[in-house]
Amino acid sequence: MIDVAALYVRHGALVFRRARRLLDDEHAAHDVVHDVFISLHERRNELQDTGMISWLYVVTTNLCLKRIRTAATRARLVDAMPSARHVPARGEDLAAIRSVLAAIPEDVATAAVYRFVDEMTHAEISAIMGCSRRHIGDLLLRFDRAMQPARAHV
């Protein structure tokens, strides 16, 4: 059985930083940390301590993407879209990309976050998502297509 309290002490700050970076909202990031560790507590008998950082990373990303999709978050987003080929993961640029993330399928959004926010390679993304590099390329192409209408207004 996993010691959730010890994992919180060891990795709580990592989960918070990840959530705050994706959401750009400290209060929402605290909520995500809570949700991640509640989920961990509920699954503590099923999970192993090895690979826990990866599990926390994936769960945090997924919970953040779900929050981004909510209407309240969507209403706060800016209209301008940066190019998908170069998306610096800072301030307004990261906020701008959230509106596209809110409107696209979860697997496309997840691949886009890993590629353009975390600057991972296709190989790294495919390892985390459990699919081929070719599929990652297809997902990122779908993301690029989703951004095309927004780029026309920039």
Foldseek 3Di string as FASTA:
>chain_A
DDDLVVCCVVCVVVQLVLLCLLLVDNVVSVVLSVVLSVVCVVCVVPDDPPPVVLVSNVSSLLVSLVVLLDPVNLVPADLAADQLVAQESDDNSSSNLSNLSNPDDVVLSSLSCCCHVVVDQLVVSCVSVVHDSVVSVVSPVVSNVSCVVSNVVD
